[in-house]
Amino acid sequence: MYVTPDGNPCESGDEPVLIARRTGCPVAVHPDRLAAARMLAGQGIDVVVADDGLQHYRLGRQFELAVVDGRRRLGNGRLLPAGPLREPPSRLGAVDRVLVNGGDVESIRRLVAGTVPVARFTLVPRAALRVDGDGERTLASFRGAPVHALAGIGSPDRFFSELEAHGLDVRPCPLPDHAEITPSDLDFGDEYEVLMTEKDAVKCARFAHSRCWFVPVDLSLDEDDAWVDELANHLRSELDHHD
């Protein structure tokens, strides 16, 4: 199915709706990743970015990015269900670039043994936006009173720590990744503000009350982004080759 910015995350998933909102690009989801790519190609799309697509080998690829959590790294190094990995650690040596989300980048560099470029990035929070679309506040403006922090992401503690780093008095409410959110999840029985991730906000936009805010984040590379130009040139070369 095609995903629109105002799509229902219960039907397509929360991340596809978030990607559609953030990028404005055509987004498609399908149990078969190859079928999703073909849907987009049928619309005339000539560059497809597959989120979490390394293990889908039927899907052709010209450039592979592996993203690693710099705090948790590779966990116990085992594949699902014994561990957190979808691919063995050796797979990092076969991609085009490894991006490390904060934390320890040197251990990842040692793991790939210099065969693949490794770059560190951080997620930088922006001003909080009201979930109903009517308002914007700096994170500093939430200081002075407790805030409820709701996060249904892979690592909720990362969100809570970021808010605390901005001086907020956080009352954490961790949820499982991709958890469904109901109106009762937003009712804490008090008048304190509720902060959540952008991914969670797409799931409760239709019923969030006026004290609900989400915190968008932007990616910031710790080194120059010349490799992004290299990627763009590589894709242009592939497109020219197929024309």
C-alpha atoms as a PDB file:
ATOM      1  CA  MET A   1       0.000   0.000   0.000  1.00  0.00           C
ATOM      2  CA  TYR A   2       1.004   3.608  -0.536  1.00  0.00           C
ATOM      3  CA  VAL A   3       1.448   5.703   2.606  1.00  0.00           C
ATOM      4  CA  THR A   4       0.379   9.332   2.838  1.00  0.00           C
ATOM      5  CA  PRO A   5       1.329  11.933   5.470  1.00  0.00           C
ATOM      6  CA  ASP A   6      -2.200  11.730   6.892  1.00  0.00           C
ATOM      7  CA  GLY A   7      -2.334   7.933   6.671  1.00  0.00           C
ATOM      8  CA  ASN A   8      -3.467   5.643   9.456  1.00  0.00           C
ATOM      9  CA  PRO A   9      -0.420   4.210  11.292  1.00  0.00           C
ATOM     10  CA  CYS A  10      -2.563   1.288  12.448  1.00  0.00           C
ATOM     11  CA  GLU A  11      -2.732   0.189   8.807  1.00  0.00           C
ATOM     12  CA  SER A  12       0.739   1.030   7.510  1.00  0.00           C
ATOM     13  CA  GLY A  13       2.876   1.290  10.657  1.00  0.00           C
ATOM     14  CA  ASP A  14       4.077   4.365  12.520  1.00  0.00           C
ATOM     15  CA  GLU A  15       7.482   4.792  10.863  1.00  0.00           C
ATOM     16  CA  PRO A  16       6.173   4.833   7.261  1.00  0.00           C
ATOM     17  CA  VAL A  17       3.698   7.605   8.173  1.00  0.00           C
ATOM     18  CA  LEU A  18       6.488   9.535   9.899  1.00  0.00           C
ATOM     19  CA  ILE A  19       8.747   9.164   6.850  1.00  0.00           C
ATOM     20  CA  ALA A  20       5.967  10.350   4.550  1.00  0.00           C
ATOM     21  CA  ARG A  21       5.370  13.411   6.745  1.00  0.00           C
ATOM     22  CA  ARG A  22       9.024  14.298   7.162  1.00  0.00           C
ATOM     23  CA  THR A  23      10.201  13.811   3.593  1.00  0.00           C
ATOM     24  CA  GLY A  24       7.167  14.435   1.396  1.00  0.00           C
ATOM     25  CA  CYS A  25       8.449  11.564  -0.769  1.00  0.00           C
ATOM     26  CA  PRO A  26       6.337   8.681  -2.062  1.00  0.00           C
ATOM     27  CA  VAL A  27       6.322   5.845   0.483  1.00  0.00           C
ATOM     28  CA  ALA A  28       5.118   2.281  -0.008  1.00  0.00           C
ATOM     29  CA  VAL A  29       4.872  -0.673   2.371  1.00  0.00           C
ATOM     30  CA  HIS A  30       4.391  -4.346   1.555  1.00  0.00           C
ATOM     31  CA  PRO A  31       5.219  -7.659   3.267  1.00  0.00           C
ATOM     32  CA  ASP A  32       7.449  -8.266   0.230  1.00  0.00           C
ATOM     33  CA  ARG A  33      10.052  -5.501  -0.001  1.00  0.00           C
ATOM     34  CA  LEU A  34      10.638  -6.227  -3.671  1.00  0.00           C
ATOM     35  CA  ALA A  35       6.941  -5.702  -4.358  1.00  0.00           C
ATOM     36  CA  ALA A  36       7.062  -2.347  -2.544  1.00  0.00           C
ATOM     37  CA  ALA A  37      10.022  -1.257  -4.665  1.00  0.00           C
ATOM     38  CA  ARG A  38       8.188  -2.289  -7.811  1.00  0.00           C
ATOM     39  CA  MET A  39       5.169  -0.248  -6.737  1.00  0.00           C
ATOM     40  CA  LEU A  40       7.365   2.848  -6.479  1.00  0.00           C
ATOM     41  CA  ALA A  41       9.188   2.085  -9.734  1.00  0.00           C
ATOM     42  CA  GLY A  42       5.803   1.871 -11.404  1.00  0.00           C
ATOM     43  CA  GLN A  43       5.247   5.496 -10.384  1.00  0.00           C
ATOM     44  CA  GLY A  44       8.448   6.540 -12.130  1.00  0.00           C
ATOM     45  CA  ILE A  45      10.589   6.613  -8.990  1.00  0.00           C
ATOM     46  CA  ASP A  46      14.231   5.951  -9.910  1.00  0.00           C
ATOM     47  CA  VAL A  47      15.849   5.967  -6.436  1.00  0.00           C
ATOM     48  CA  VAL A  48      14.370   3.809  -3.663  1.00  0.00           C
ATOM     49  CA  VAL A  49      15.556   4.040  -0.059  1.00  0.00           C
ATOM     50  CA  ALA A  50      14.688   0.898   1.894  1.00  0.00           C
ATOM     51  CA  ASP A  51      14.387   1.357   5.640  1.00  0.00           C
ATOM     52  CA  ASP A  52      15.773  -1.709   7.450  1.00  0.00           C
ATOM     53  CA  GLY A  53      16.401  -3.495   4.174  1.00  0.00           C
ATOM     54  CA  LEU A  54      19.839  -5.134   4.497  1.00  0.00           C
ATOM     55  CA  GLN A  55      18.446  -8.626   5.042  1.00  0.00           C
ATOM     56  CA  HIS A  56      15.998  -8.490   2.126  1.00  0.00           C
ATOM     57  CA  TYR A  57      18.315 -10.039  -0.456  1.00  0.00           C
ATOM     58  CA  ARG A  58      15.729 -10.291  -3.224  1.00  0.00           C
ATOM     59  CA  LEU A  59      15.788  -6.497  -3.266  1.00  0.00           C
ATOM     60  CA  GLY A  60      18.596  -5.187  -5.474  1.00  0.00           C
ATOM     61  CA  ARG A  61      20.827  -2.505  -3.994  1.00  0.00           C
ATOM     62  CA  GLN A  62      23.541  -0.116  -5.154  1.00  0.00           C
ATOM     63  CA  PHE A  63      24.581   1.317  -1.774  1.00  0.00           C
ATOM     64  CA  GLU A  64      24.211  -0.107   1.710  1.00  0.00           C
ATOM     65  CA  LEU A  65      24.201   1.844   4.971  1.00  0.00           C
ATOM     66  CA  ALA A  66      24.256  -0.042   8.270  1.00  0.00           C
ATOM     67  CA  VAL A  67      23.169   1.915  11.350  1.00  0.00           C
ATOM     68  CA  VAL A  68      24.479   0.779  14.741  1.00  0.00           C
ATOM     69  CA  ASP A  69      23.438   2.019  18.181  1.00  0.00           C
ATOM     70  CA  GLY A  70      26.665   3.313  19.706  1.00  0.00           C
ATOM     71  CA  ARG A  71      25.487   2.610  23.244  1.00  0.00           C
ATOM     72  CA  ARG A  72      24.117  -0.900  22.859  1.00  0.00           C
ATOM     73  CA  ARG A  73      26.444  -1.712  19.953  1.00  0.00           C
ATOM     74  CA  LEU A  74      25.760  -5.312  18.819  1.00  0.00           C
ATOM     75  CA  GLY A  75      24.327  -6.570  22.093  1.00  0.00           C
ATOM     76  CA  ASN A  76      25.313 -10.197  22.632  1.00  0.00           C
ATOM     77  CA  GLY A  77      26.258 -10.507  18.959  1.00  0.00           C
ATOM     78  CA  ARG A  78      23.603 -13.137  18.257  1.00  0.00           C
ATOM     79  CA  LEU A  79      20.811 -13.251  15.720  1.00  0.00           C
ATOM     80  CA  LEU A  80      17.109 -13.115  16.528  1.00  0.00           C
ATOM     81  CA  PRO A  81      15.590 -14.598  18.636  1.00  0.00           C
ATOM     82  CA  ALA A  82      18.730 -15.328  20.692  1.00  0.00           C
ATOM     83  CA  GLY A  83      19.940 -11.747  20.321  1.00  0.00           C
ATOM     84  CA  PRO A  84      19.054  -8.384  18.764  1.00  0.00           C
ATOM     85  CA  LEU A  85      20.658  -8.822  15.334  1.00  0.00           C
ATOM     86  CA  ARG A  86      19.006  -9.559  12.008  1.00  0.00           C
ATOM     87  CA  GLU A  87      22.375 -10.147  10.333  1.00  0.00           C
ATOM     88  CA  PRO A  88      25.652 -11.547  11.737  1.00  0.00           C
ATOM     89  CA  PRO A  89      28.322  -9.032  12.867  1.00  0.00           C
ATOM     90  CA  SER A  90      30.441  -9.995   9.848  1.00  0.00           C
ATOM     91  CA  ARG A  91      27.796  -8.353   7.636  1.00  0.00           C
ATOM     92  CA  LEU A  92      29.191  -4.954   8.626  1.00  0.00           C
ATOM     93  CA  GLY A  93      32.269  -5.737   6.558  1.00  0.00           C
ATOM     94  CA  ALA A  94      30.184  -6.001   3.389  1.00  0.00           C
ATOM     95  CA  VAL A  95      28.267  -2.699   3.472  1.00  0.00           C
ATOM     96  CA  ASP A  96      29.359   0.587   1.921  1.00  0.00           C
ATOM     97  CA  ARG A  97      29.317   2.608   5.135  1.00  0.00           C
ATOM     98  CA  VAL A  98      28.518   2.170   8.810  1.00  0.00           C
ATOM     99  CA  LEU A  99      26.784   4.967  10.745  1.00  0.00           C
ATOM    100  CA  VAL A 100      26.982   4.871  14.533  1.00  0.00           C
ATOM    101  CA  ASN A 101      24.279   6.586  16.561  1.00  0.00           C
ATOM    102  CA  GLY A 102      26.177   8.270  19.408  1.00  0.00           C
ATOM    103  CA  GLY A 103      28.139   6.336  22.006  1.00  0.00           C
ATOM    104  CA  ASP A 104      31.259   4.327  21.233  1.00  0.00           C
ATOM    105  CA  VAL A 105      32.328   4.553  17.613  1.00  0.00           C
ATOM    106  CA  GLU A 106      35.862   3.199  18.057  1.00  0.00           C
ATOM    107  CA  SER A 107      34.700  -0.300  19.015  1.00  0.00           C
ATOM    108  CA  ILE A 108      32.678  -0.424  15.798  1.00  0.00           C
ATOM    109  CA  ARG A 109      35.698   0.728  13.784  1.00  0.00           C
ATOM    110  CA  ARG A 110      37.730  -2.113  15.317  1.00  0.00           C
ATOM    111  CA  LEU A 111      34.970  -4.556  14.502  1.00  0.00           C
ATOM    112  CA  VAL A 112      34.998  -3.764  10.778  1.00  0.00           C
ATOM    113  CA  ALA A 113      38.815  -3.638  10.881  1.00  0.00           C
ATOM    114  CA  GLY A 114      39.109  -0.619   8.601  1.00  0.00           C
ATOM    115  CA  THR A 115      37.470  -2.339   5.638  1.00  0.00           C
ATOM    116  CA  VAL A 116      34.430  -0.048   5.684  1.00  0.00           C
ATOM    117  CA  PRO A 117      34.243   3.687   6.493  1.00  0.00           C
ATOM    118  CA  VAL A 118      32.575   4.366   9.855  1.00  0.00           C
ATOM    119  CA  ALA A 119      30.998   7.703  10.810  1.00  0.00           C
ATOM    120  CA  ARG A 120      29.385   8.798  14.058  1.00  0.00           C
ATOM    121  CA  PHE A 121      26.190  10.835  14.210  1.00  0.00           C
ATOM    122  CA  THR A 122      23.942  12.244  16.909  1.00  0.00           C
ATOM    123  CA  LEU A 123      20.246  13.031  16.972  1.00  0.00           C
ATOM    124  CA  VAL A 124      19.722  16.682  17.851  1.00  0.00           C
ATOM    125  CA  PRO A 125      16.317  17.657  19.286  1.00  0.00           C
ATOM    126  CA  ARG A 126      14.486  20.678  17.930  1.00  0.00           C
ATOM    127  CA  ALA A 127      11.783  22.769  19.566  1.00  0.00           C
ATOM    128  CA  ALA A 128       8.764  20.812  20.777  1.00  0.00           C
ATOM    129  CA  LEU A 129       5.646  20.962  18.616  1.00  0.00           C
ATOM    130  CA  ARG A 130       2.135  20.482  19.909  1.00  0.00           C
ATOM    131  CA  VAL A 131       0.661  17.243  18.633  1.00  0.00           C
ATOM    132  CA  ASP A 132      -2.536  18.978  17.512  1.00  0.00           C
ATOM    133  CA  GLY A 133      -0.393  21.247  15.324  1.00  0.00           C
ATOM    134  CA  ASP A 134      -1.119  24.467  17.200  1.00  0.00           C
ATOM    135  CA  GLY A 135       2.014  25.580  19.024  1.00  0.00           C
ATOM    136  CA  GLU A 136       5.787  25.434  19.414  1.00  0.00           C
ATOM    137  CA  ARG A 137       7.965  25.661  22.525  1.00  0.00           C
ATOM    138  CA  THR A 138      11.654  25.399  23.302  1.00  0.00           C
ATOM    139  CA  LEU A 139      12.622  22.519  25.532  1.00  0.00           C
ATOM    140  CA  ALA A 140      13.947  25.010  28.077  1.00  0.00           C
ATOM    141  CA  SER A 141      10.426  26.400  28.484  1.00  0.00           C
ATOM    142  CA  PHE A 142       9.329  23.119  30.089  1.00  0.00           C
ATOM    143  CA  ARG A 143      11.705  23.558  33.021  1.00  0.00           C
ATOM    144  CA  GLY A 144      10.275  24.329  36.447  1.00  0.00           C
ATOM    145  CA  ALA A 145       7.601  21.635  36.541  1.00  0.00           C
ATOM    146  CA  PRO A 146       7.595  17.871  35.985  1.00  0.00           C
ATOM    147  CA  VAL A 147       6.814  16.569  32.506  1.00  0.00           C
ATOM    148  CA  HIS A 148       5.537  13.158  31.515  1.00  0.00           C
ATOM    149  CA  ALA A 149       7.787  11.638  28.848  1.00  0.00           C
ATOM    150  CA  LEU A 150       6.274   8.935  26.667  1.00  0.00           C
ATOM    151  CA  ALA A 151       8.381   6.869  24.278  1.00  0.00           C
ATOM    152  CA  GLY A 152       7.452   3.765  22.306  1.00  0.00           C
ATOM    153  CA  ILE A 153      10.788   3.371  20.524  1.00  0.00           C
ATOM    154  CA  GLY A 154      13.598   0.827  20.550  1.00  0.00           C
ATOM    155  CA  SER A 155      15.540   2.668  23.264  1.00  0.00           C
ATOM    156  CA  PRO A 156      13.171   4.846  25.338  1.00  0.00           C
ATOM    157  CA  ASP A 157      15.941   5.751  27.799  1.00  0.00           C
ATOM    158  CA  ARG A 158      17.709   7.672  25.044  1.00  0.00           C
ATOM    159  CA  PHE A 159      14.716  10.008  24.758  1.00  0.00           C
ATOM    160  CA  PHE A 160      14.391  10.433  28.514  1.00  0.00           C
ATOM    161  CA  SER A 161      18.110  11.167  28.916  1.00  0.00           C
ATOM    162  CA  GLU A 162      17.987  13.795  26.183  1.00  0.00           C
ATOM    163  CA  LEU A 163      15.154  15.614  27.936  1.00  0.00           C
ATOM    164  CA  GLU A 164      16.995  15.439  31.258  1.00  0.00           C
ATOM    165  CA  ALA A 165      20.110  16.836  29.577  1.00  0.00           C
ATOM    166  CA  HIS A 166      18.025  19.924  28.747  1.00  0.00           C
ATOM    167  CA  GLY A 167      17.179  20.389  32.413  1.00  0.00           C
ATOM    168  CA  LEU A 168      13.718  18.843  32.454  1.00  0.00           C
ATOM    169  CA  ASP A 169      12.224  16.995  35.414  1.00  0.00           C
ATOM    170  CA  VAL A 170      11.192  13.833  33.603  1.00  0.00           C
ATOM    171  CA  ARG A 171       8.599  11.306  34.659  1.00  0.00           C
ATOM    172  CA  PRO A 172       9.353   8.485  32.202  1.00  0.00           C
ATOM    173  CA  CYS A 173       6.675   6.345  30.595  1.00  0.00           C
ATOM    174  CA  PRO A 174       8.441   3.727  28.429  1.00  0.00           C
ATOM    175  CA  LEU A 175       6.370   1.688  25.994  1.00  0.00           C
ATOM    176  CA  PRO A 176       7.333  -1.233  23.738  1.00  0.00           C
ATOM    177  CA  ASP A 177       8.645  -0.272  20.310  1.00  0.00           C
ATOM    178  CA  HIS A 178       5.741   0.496  17.928  1.00  0.00           C
ATOM    179  CA  ALA A 179       3.253   0.187  20.804  1.00  0.00           C
ATOM    180  CA  GLU A 180      -0.297   1.263  20.105  1.00  0.00           C
ATOM    181  CA  ILE A 181      -1.219   4.431  22.015  1.00  0.00           C
ATOM    182  CA  THR A 182      -4.711   5.017  23.386  1.00  0.00           C
ATOM    183  CA  PRO A 183      -6.269   8.117  24.966  1.00  0.00           C
ATOM    184  CA  SER A 184      -5.816   6.560  28.412  1.00  0.00           C
ATOM    185  CA  ASP A 185      -2.047   6.444  27.832  1.00  0.00           C
ATOM    186  CA  LEU A 186      -2.077  10.254  27.703  1.00  0.00           C
ATOM    187  CA  ASP A 187      -4.147  10.702  30.854  1.00  0.00           C
ATOM    188  CA  PHE A 188      -1.833  10.887  33.864  1.00  0.00           C
ATOM    189  CA  GLY A 189      -4.413  12.400  36.205  1.00  0.00           C
ATOM    190  CA  ASP A 190      -2.687  15.769  36.513  1.00  0.00           C
ATOM    191  CA  GLU A 191      -2.049  18.963  34.547  1.00  0.00           C
ATOM    192  CA  TYR A 192       1.599  18.378  33.646  1.00  0.00           C
ATOM    193  CA  GLU A 193       2.712  18.576  30.035  1.00  0.00           C
ATOM    194  CA  VAL A 194       3.323  15.371  28.058  1.00  0.00           C
ATOM    195  CA  LEU A 195       6.365  15.082  25.788  1.00  0.00           C
ATOM    196  CA  MET A 196       6.735  12.243  23.309  1.00  0.00           C
ATOM    197  CA  THR A 197       8.784  11.218  20.301  1.00  0.00           C
ATOM    198  CA  GLU A 198       7.751  12.170  16.795  1.00  0.00           C
ATOM    199  CA  LYS A 199       7.133   8.513  15.996  1.00  0.00           C
ATOM    200  CA  ASP A 200       4.645   8.270  18.853  1.00  0.00           C
ATOM    201  CA  ALA A 201       2.928  11.508  17.871  1.00  0.00           C
ATOM    202  CA  VAL A 202       1.729  10.111  14.539  1.00  0.00           C
ATOM    203  CA  LYS A 203      -0.208   7.446  16.445  1.00  0.00           C
ATOM    204  CA  CYS A 204      -2.191   9.814  18.654  1.00  0.00           C
ATOM    205  CA  ALA A 205      -2.620  12.940  16.511  1.00  0.00           C
ATOM    206  CA  ARG A 206      -6.370  12.343  16.282  1.00  0.00           C
ATOM    207  CA  PHE A 207      -7.040  12.309  20.016  1.00  0.00           C
ATOM    208  CA  ALA A 208      -4.105  14.009  21.774  1.00  0.00           C
ATOM    209  CA  HIS A 209      -5.095  16.712  24.257  1.00  0.00           C
ATOM    210  CA  SER A 210      -3.655  20.229  24.249  1.00  0.00           C
ATOM    211  CA  ARG A 211      -0.832  19.405  26.700  1.00  0.00           C
ATOM    212  CA  CYS A 212       0.717  16.813  24.361  1.00  0.00           C
ATOM    213  CA  TRP A 213       3.937  17.763  22.571  1.00  0.00           C
ATOM    214  CA  PHE A 214       6.426  15.890  20.429  1.00  0.00           C
ATOM    215  CA  VAL A 215      10.136  16.521  20.001  1.00  0.00           C
ATOM    216  CA  PRO A 216      11.474  16.183  16.433  1.00  0.00           C
ATOM    217  CA  VAL A 217      15.142  15.289  16.034  1.00  0.00           C
ATOM    218  CA  ASP A 218      17.584  15.979  13.219  1.00  0.00           C
ATOM    219  CA  LEU A 219      20.666  13.967  12.311  1.00  0.00           C
ATOM    220  CA  SER A 220      24.023  15.665  12.817  1.00  0.00           C
ATOM    221  CA  LEU A 221      27.195  14.005  11.502  1.00  0.00           C
ATOM    222  CA  ASP A 222      30.328  14.350  13.611  1.00  0.00           C
ATOM    223  CA  GLU A 223      32.484  14.694  10.499  1.00  0.00           C
ATOM    224  CA  ASP A 224      32.094  16.369   7.139  1.00  0.00           C
ATOM    225  CA  ASP A 225      29.374  14.958   4.944  1.00  0.00           C
ATOM    226  CA  ALA A 226      31.413  14.643   1.752  1.00  0.00           C
ATOM    227  CA  TRP A 227      30.371  10.991   1.610  1.00  0.00           C
ATOM    228  CA  VAL A 228      26.800  12.124   0.983  1.00  0.00           C
ATOM    229  CA  ASP A 229      28.024  13.717  -2.245  1.00  0.00           C
ATOM    230  CA  GLU A 230      29.868  10.479  -3.026  1.00  0.00           C
ATOM    231  CA  LEU A 231      26.612   8.588  -2.568  1.00  0.00           C
ATOM    232  CA  ALA A 232      24.744  11.028  -4.811  1.00  0.00           C
ATOM    233  CA  ASN A 233      27.419  10.704  -7.501  1.00  0.00           C
ATOM    234  CA  HIS A 234      27.284   6.921  -7.236  1.00  0.00           C
ATOM    235  CA  LEU A 235      23.517   6.937  -7.718  1.00  0.00           C
ATOM    236  CA  ARG A 236      23.804   9.316 -10.692  1.00  0.00           C
ATOM    237  CA  SER A 237      26.334   6.959 -12.255  1.00  0.00           C
ATOM    238  CA  GLU A 238      23.979   4.003 -11.785  1.00  0.00           C
ATOM    239  CA  LEU A 239      21.060   5.943 -13.273  1.00  0.00           C
ATOM    240  CA  ASP A 240      23.142   7.040 -16.267  1.00  0.00           C
ATOM    241  CA  HIS A 241      24.203   3.438 -16.784  1.00  0.00           C
ATOM    242  CA  HIS A 242      20.585   2.262 -16.955  1.00  0.00           C
ATOM    243  CA  ASP A 243      19.369   5.084 -19.211  1.00  0.00           C
END
